[in-house]
Amino acid sequence: MLKTLARLFLASIFIIGGANTFINPDGRASKVAAAGIPKPRQATILNGALMVVAGSMLALDIAPKLSAALLAGLLIPTTFVGHPFWKEQNPRDRANQQVHFLKNLVMLGGLLTVLAEKDC
């Protein structure tokens, strides 16, 4: 029961964040473009859609290791492109981006925990 609840909580941020990205990609697409990724709007929409699908799979306990691996693969570039705190000059902006960067590392830790489970 606790494992199911923990997965649901972890999945929720991917489902909600992915849906927001899918529906409103333009703000994030500008960061993707600045990182030199081709077709930034399409890449952003695809990233959001995949996060919703994989997050939903994790929440519903459908292929949890596969969904966790996919989410981890999406989260790593999302973190570096979306929250490059080391590039921020303004101390407040730098601190804000650093918090989001670290939050994403915590989420990655949760996904790695799912991948490390023996009973999946």
N, C-alpha and C. Protein backbone atom coordinates (compact mmCIF):
# COMPACT_ATOMS: atom_id res chain seq x y z
N MET A 1 0.82 -1.20 0.00
CA MET A 1 0.00 0.00 0.00
C MET A 1 0.86 1.26 0.00
N LEU A 2 1.89 1.29 0.85
CA LEU A 2 2.77 2.45 0.93
C LEU A 2 3.53 2.66 -0.38
N LYS A 3 3.97 1.56 -0.98
CA LYS A 3 4.68 1.65 -2.25
C LYS A 3 3.76 2.21 -3.34
N THR A 4 2.53 1.78 -3.36
CA THR A 4 1.56 2.26 -4.35
C THR A 4 1.31 3.76 -4.16
N LEU A 5 1.17 4.18 -2.94
CA LEU A 5 0.94 5.59 -2.64
C LEU A 5 2.16 6.43 -3.03
N ALA A 6 3.34 5.94 -2.72
CA ALA A 6 4.57 6.66 -3.07
C ALA A 6 4.69 6.81 -4.59
N ARG A 7 4.38 5.76 -5.32
CA ARG A 7 4.43 5.83 -6.80
C ARG A 7 3.41 6.83 -7.33
N LEU A 8 2.23 6.83 -6.73
CA LEU A 8 1.19 7.77 -7.15
C LEU A 8 1.64 9.21 -6.93
N PHE A 9 2.23 9.49 -5.78
CA PHE A 9 2.73 10.83 -5.50
C PHE A 9 3.83 11.21 -6.49
N LEU A 10 4.75 10.29 -6.72
CA LEU A 10 5.85 10.56 -7.66
C LEU A 10 5.31 10.79 -9.07
N ALA A 11 4.38 9.96 -9.48
CA ALA A 11 3.83 10.07 -10.83
C ALA A 11 3.06 11.37 -11.04
N SER A 12 2.43 11.87 -9.98
CA SER A 12 1.57 13.04 -10.13
C SER A 12 2.31 14.26 -10.67
N ILE A 13 3.55 14.46 -10.27
CA ILE A 13 4.27 15.64 -10.76
C ILE A 13 4.57 15.52 -12.25
N PHE A 14 4.79 14.30 -12.72
CA PHE A 14 5.03 14.09 -14.15
C PHE A 14 3.74 14.27 -14.95
N ILE A 15 2.64 13.77 -14.41
CA ILE A 15 1.36 13.89 -15.11
C ILE A 15 0.93 15.35 -15.20
N ILE A 16 0.98 16.05 -14.09
CA ILE A 16 0.55 17.45 -14.07
C ILE A 16 1.51 18.33 -14.85
N GLY A 17 2.80 18.18 -14.60
CA GLY A 17 3.79 18.99 -15.32
C GLY A 17 3.81 18.69 -16.80
N GLY A 18 3.69 17.41 -17.15
CA GLY A 18 3.66 17.03 -18.56
C GLY A 18 2.44 17.58 -19.27
N ALA A 19 1.29 17.53 -18.61
CA ALA A 19 0.06 18.07 -19.20
C ALA A 19 0.18 19.58 -19.42
N ASN A 20 0.72 20.29 -18.43
CA ASN A 20 0.92 21.73 -18.58
C ASN A 20 1.87 22.05 -19.73
N THR A 21 2.92 21.26 -19.84
CA THR A 21 3.88 21.46 -20.94
C THR A 21 3.23 21.17 -22.28
N PHE A 22 2.45 20.12 -22.36
CA PHE A 22 1.79 19.74 -23.60
C PHE A 22 0.79 20.82 -24.03
N ILE A 23 0.04 21.36 -23.08
CA ILE A 23 -0.99 22.35 -23.38
C ILE A 23 -0.39 23.72 -23.67
N ASN A 24 0.66 24.10 -22.93
CA ASN A 24 1.28 25.41 -23.06
C ASN A 24 2.79 25.26 -23.29
N PRO A 25 3.21 24.83 -24.48
CA PRO A 25 4.62 24.52 -24.69
C PRO A 25 5.53 25.73 -24.92
N ASP A 26 4.99 26.87 -25.28
CA ASP A 26 5.83 27.95 -25.79
C ASP A 26 6.87 28.47 -24.80
N GLY A 27 6.51 28.65 -23.54
CA GLY A 27 7.48 29.15 -22.57
C GLY A 27 8.68 28.22 -22.43
N ARG A 28 8.40 26.94 -22.36
CA ARG A 28 9.49 25.97 -22.23
C ARG A 28 10.23 25.78 -23.55
N ALA A 29 9.51 25.93 -24.65
CA ALA A 29 10.14 25.75 -25.96
C ALA A 29 11.25 26.78 -26.19
N SER A 30 11.12 27.96 -25.61
CA SER A 30 12.17 28.96 -25.77
C SER A 30 13.46 28.51 -25.10
N LYS A 31 13.36 27.83 -23.96
CA LYS A 31 14.55 27.28 -23.30
C LYS A 31 15.15 26.15 -24.13
N VAL A 32 14.28 25.35 -24.72
CA VAL A 32 14.74 24.24 -25.56
C VAL A 32 15.47 24.79 -26.79
N ALA A 33 14.92 25.85 -27.37
CA ALA A 33 15.57 26.49 -28.53
C ALA A 33 16.92 27.06 -28.13
N ALA A 34 16.99 27.69 -26.96
CA ALA A 34 18.25 28.27 -26.50
C ALA A 34 19.32 27.19 -26.27
N ALA A 35 18.88 25.97 -25.98
CA ALA A 35 19.82 24.86 -25.78
C ALA A 35 20.27 24.25 -27.10
N GLY A 36 19.71 24.75 -28.22
CA GLY A 36 20.12 24.26 -29.54
C GLY A 36 19.43 22.99 -29.99
N ILE A 37 18.35 22.63 -29.34
CA ILE A 37 17.62 21.42 -29.72
C ILE A 37 16.73 21.74 -30.91
N PRO A 38 16.81 20.94 -31.98
CA PRO A 38 16.00 21.23 -33.17
C PRO A 38 14.50 21.06 -32.92
N LYS A 39 13.70 21.81 -33.66
CA LYS A 39 12.24 21.77 -33.55
C LYS A 39 11.81 21.88 -32.09
N PRO A 40 12.15 22.98 -31.44
CA PRO A 40 11.93 23.08 -29.99
C PRO A 40 10.48 22.96 -29.56
N ARG A 41 9.55 23.52 -30.31
CA ARG A 41 8.14 23.43 -29.89
C ARG A 41 7.66 21.98 -29.96
N GLN A 42 7.99 21.30 -31.06
CA GLN A 42 7.58 19.90 -31.20
C GLN A 42 8.25 19.02 -30.14
N ALA A 43 9.53 19.30 -29.87
CA ALA A 43 10.25 18.52 -28.85
C ALA A 43 9.62 18.72 -27.48
N THR A 44 9.22 19.95 -27.19
CA THR A 44 8.60 20.26 -25.90
C THR A 44 7.25 19.56 -25.77
N ILE A 45 6.45 19.61 -26.83
CA ILE A 45 5.14 18.94 -26.82
C ILE A 45 5.32 17.43 -26.65
N LEU A 46 6.26 16.84 -27.36
CA LEU A 46 6.53 15.41 -27.25
C LEU A 46 6.97 15.06 -25.84
N ASN A 47 7.85 15.86 -25.26
CA ASN A 47 8.32 15.63 -23.90
C ASN A 47 7.15 15.63 -22.93
N GLY A 48 6.27 16.62 -23.06
CA GLY A 48 5.11 16.70 -22.17
C GLY A 48 4.19 15.51 -22.33
N ALA A 49 3.93 15.12 -23.56
CA ALA A 49 3.04 13.98 -23.82
C ALA A 49 3.63 12.68 -23.25
N LEU A 50 4.93 12.48 -23.44
CA LEU A 50 5.56 11.26 -22.93
C LEU A 50 5.56 11.24 -21.40
N MET A 51 5.71 12.41 -20.78
CA MET A 51 5.66 12.45 -19.32
C MET A 51 4.26 12.09 -18.81
N VAL A 52 3.23 12.55 -19.50
CA VAL A 52 1.86 12.20 -19.10
C VAL A 52 1.64 10.69 -19.23
N VAL A 53 2.04 10.13 -20.37
CA VAL A 53 1.83 8.70 -20.61
C VAL A 53 2.63 7.86 -19.61
N ALA A 54 3.93 8.14 -19.48
CA ALA A 54 4.77 7.35 -18.58
C ALA A 54 4.37 7.58 -17.12
N GLY A 55 4.01 8.80 -16.77
CA GLY A 55 3.55 9.07 -15.40
C GLY A 55 2.26 8.33 -15.09
N SER A 56 1.37 8.29 -16.05
CA SER A 56 0.11 7.55 -15.87
C SER A 56 0.38 6.06 -15.73
N MET A 57 1.29 5.55 -16.52
CA MET A 57 1.66 4.13 -16.40
C MET A 57 2.20 3.83 -15.01
N LEU A 58 3.07 4.72 -14.51
CA LEU A 58 3.64 4.51 -13.17
C LEU A 58 2.54 4.57 -12.11
N ALA A 59 1.64 5.55 -12.22
CA ALA A 59 0.55 5.70 -11.25
C ALA A 59 -0.36 4.49 -11.23
N LEU A 60 -0.57 3.89 -12.40
CA LEU A 60 -1.47 2.74 -12.53
C LEU A 60 -0.75 1.40 -12.36
N ASP A 61 0.56 1.46 -12.06
CA ASP A 61 1.38 0.27 -11.86
C ASP A 61 1.43 -0.60 -13.12
N ILE A 62 1.48 0.06 -14.27
CA ILE A 62 1.62 -0.63 -15.55
C ILE A 62 3.08 -0.51 -15.97
N ALA A 63 3.77 -1.64 -16.02
CA ALA A 63 5.19 -1.68 -16.38
C ALA A 63 5.96 -0.59 -15.63
N PRO A 64 5.98 -0.65 -14.30
CA PRO A 64 6.58 0.43 -13.52
C PRO A 64 8.06 0.67 -13.80
N LYS A 65 8.82 -0.39 -14.05
CA LYS A 65 10.24 -0.17 -14.34
C LYS A 65 10.42 0.50 -15.70
N LEU A 66 9.64 0.10 -16.67
CA LEU A 66 9.72 0.74 -17.99
C LEU A 66 9.33 2.21 -17.89
N SER A 67 8.23 2.48 -17.20
CA SER A 67 7.78 3.87 -17.08
C SER A 67 8.79 4.70 -16.29
N ALA A 68 9.38 4.14 -15.24
CA ALA A 68 10.39 4.87 -14.45
C ALA A 68 11.63 5.14 -15.29
N ALA A 69 12.03 4.17 -16.10
CA ALA A 69 13.20 4.37 -16.97
C ALA A 69 12.93 5.46 -18.00
N LEU A 70 11.74 5.44 -18.59
CA LEU A 70 11.38 6.48 -19.57
C LEU A 70 11.34 7.85 -18.91
N LEU A 71 10.73 7.93 -17.74
CA LEU A 71 10.67 9.22 -17.04
C LEU A 71 12.06 9.71 -16.66
N ALA A 72 12.93 8.82 -16.22
CA ALA A 72 14.30 9.23 -15.89
C ALA A 72 15.01 9.74 -17.14
N GLY A 73 14.82 9.05 -18.25
CA GLY A 73 15.43 9.48 -19.50
C GLY A 73 14.92 10.84 -19.97
N LEU A 74 13.68 11.15 -19.67
CA LEU A 74 13.12 12.46 -20.01
C LEU A 74 13.54 13.52 -19.01
N LEU A 75 13.65 13.13 -17.75
CA LEU A 75 13.92 14.09 -16.69
C LEU A 75 15.34 14.66 -16.74
N ILE A 76 16.30 13.85 -17.12
CA ILE A 76 17.69 14.32 -17.11
C ILE A 76 17.89 15.50 -18.06
N PRO A 77 17.54 15.38 -19.35
CA PRO A 77 17.72 16.57 -20.21
C PRO A 77 16.78 17.71 -19.83
N THR A 78 15.58 17.39 -19.36
CA THR A 78 14.64 18.43 -18.92
C THR A 78 15.25 19.25 -17.79
N THR A 79 15.93 18.59 -16.88
CA THR A 79 16.54 19.28 -15.74
C THR A 79 17.67 20.21 -16.18
N PHE A 80 18.54 19.72 -17.04
CA PHE A 80 19.68 20.54 -17.47
C PHE A 80 19.26 21.67 -18.40
N VAL A 81 18.28 21.44 -19.25
CA VAL A 81 17.80 22.49 -20.16
C VAL A 81 16.90 23.47 -19.43
N GLY A 82 16.04 22.98 -18.56
CA GLY A 82 15.04 23.82 -17.92
C GLY A 82 15.51 24.58 -16.70
N HIS A 83 16.55 24.09 -16.04
CA HIS A 83 16.95 24.71 -14.77
C HIS A 83 18.47 24.90 -14.65
N PRO A 84 19.09 25.55 -15.62
CA PRO A 84 20.55 25.76 -15.56
C PRO A 84 20.89 26.91 -14.61
N PHE A 85 20.80 26.63 -13.32
CA PHE A 85 21.00 27.67 -12.31
C PHE A 85 22.38 28.31 -12.40
N TRP A 86 23.36 27.57 -12.87
CA TRP A 86 24.73 28.07 -12.97
C TRP A 86 24.87 29.20 -13.99
N LYS A 87 23.87 29.37 -14.86
CA LYS A 87 23.91 30.44 -15.85
C LYS A 87 23.24 31.73 -15.37
N GLU A 88 22.54 31.66 -14.26
CA GLU A 88 21.78 32.81 -13.75
C GLU A 88 22.70 33.81 -13.06
N GLN A 89 22.54 35.08 -13.39
CA GLN A 89 23.33 36.14 -12.76
C GLN A 89 22.64 36.69 -11.52
N ASN A 90 21.34 36.81 -11.58
CA ASN A 90 20.57 37.34 -10.46
C ASN A 90 20.51 36.29 -9.35
N PRO A 91 20.92 36.65 -8.13
CA PRO A 91 20.94 35.66 -7.03
C PRO A 91 19.57 35.03 -6.75
N ARG A 92 18.50 35.79 -6.86
CA ARG A 92 17.16 35.23 -6.62
C ARG A 92 16.80 34.22 -7.70
N ASP A 93 17.07 34.57 -8.97
CA ASP A 93 16.78 33.64 -10.06
C ASP A 93 17.66 32.39 -9.96
N ARG A 94 18.91 32.59 -9.58
CA ARG A 94 19.82 31.46 -9.43
C ARG A 94 19.31 30.51 -8.34
N ALA A 95 18.91 31.06 -7.20
CA ALA A 95 18.40 30.23 -6.11
C ALA A 95 17.12 29.50 -6.52
N ASN A 96 16.23 30.18 -7.22
CA ASN A 96 14.99 29.56 -7.68
C ASN A 96 15.28 28.40 -8.62
N GLN A 97 16.15 28.61 -9.58
CA GLN A 97 16.48 27.55 -10.53
C GLN A 97 17.21 26.40 -9.84
N GLN A 98 18.02 26.72 -8.84
CA GLN A 98 18.74 25.67 -8.12
C GLN A 98 17.76 24.79 -7.34
N VAL A 99 16.74 25.40 -6.74
CA VAL A 99 15.72 24.62 -6.03
C VAL A 99 15.01 23.67 -7.00
N HIS A 100 14.65 24.16 -8.18
CA HIS A 100 13.98 23.31 -9.17
C HIS A 100 14.92 22.21 -9.68
N PHE A 101 16.18 22.54 -9.87
CA PHE A 101 17.17 21.54 -10.28
C PHE A 101 17.26 20.43 -9.23
N LEU A 102 17.37 20.82 -7.97
CA LEU A 102 17.48 19.84 -6.89
C LEU A 102 16.19 19.04 -6.72
N LYS A 103 15.04 19.69 -6.91
CA LYS A 103 13.75 18.98 -6.86
C LYS A 103 13.74 17.88 -7.91
N ASN A 104 14.23 18.19 -9.10
CA ASN A 104 14.27 17.19 -10.15
C ASN A 104 15.23 16.05 -9.81
N LEU A 105 16.33 16.37 -9.12
CA LEU A 105 17.22 15.30 -8.69
C LEU A 105 16.54 14.38 -7.68
N VAL A 106 15.72 14.95 -6.81
CA VAL A 106 14.96 14.14 -5.85
C VAL A 106 13.99 13.24 -6.61
N MET A 107 13.32 13.80 -7.62
CA MET A 107 12.40 12.99 -8.43
C MET A 107 13.17 11.86 -9.12
N LEU A 108 14.36 12.16 -9.61
CA LEU A 108 15.18 11.13 -10.24
C LEU A 108 15.51 10.04 -9.22
N GLY A 109 15.79 10.43 -7.99
CA GLY A 109 16.03 9.44 -6.94
C GLY A 109 14.83 8.54 -6.71
N GLY A 110 13.64 9.11 -6.74
CA GLY A 110 12.43 8.30 -6.62
C GLY A 110 12.29 7.31 -7.76
N LEU A 111 12.60 7.76 -8.97
CA LEU A 111 12.53 6.87 -10.13
C LEU A 111 13.57 5.76 -10.04
N LEU A 112 14.76 6.10 -9.56
CA LEU A 112 15.81 5.08 -9.40
C LEU A 112 15.39 4.05 -8.35
N THR A 113 14.65 4.48 -7.35
CA THR A 113 14.14 3.55 -6.34
C THR A 113 13.18 2.55 -6.96
N VAL A 114 12.32 3.03 -7.86
CA VAL A 114 11.42 2.11 -8.56
C VAL A 114 12.23 1.13 -9.40
N LEU A 115 13.25 1.64 -10.07
CA LEU A 115 14.09 0.75 -10.90
C LEU A 115 14.83 -0.29 -10.07
N ALA A 116 15.15 0.05 -8.82
CA ALA A 116 15.90 -0.87 -7.97
C ALA A 116 15.03 -1.91 -7.27
N GLU A 117 13.71 -1.75 -7.33
CA GLU A 117 12.82 -2.69 -6.66
C GLU A 117 12.96 -4.09 -7.25
N LYS A 118 12.92 -5.06 -6.41
CA LYS A 118 13.08 -6.45 -6.86
C LYS A 118 11.77 -7.12 -7.23
N ASP A 119 10.65 -6.61 -6.74
CA ASP A 119 9.37 -7.30 -6.95
C ASP A 119 8.52 -6.70 -8.06
N CYS A 120 9.10 -5.99 -9.00
CA CYS A 120 8.32 -5.43 -10.12
C CYS A 120 8.28 -6.39 -11.28
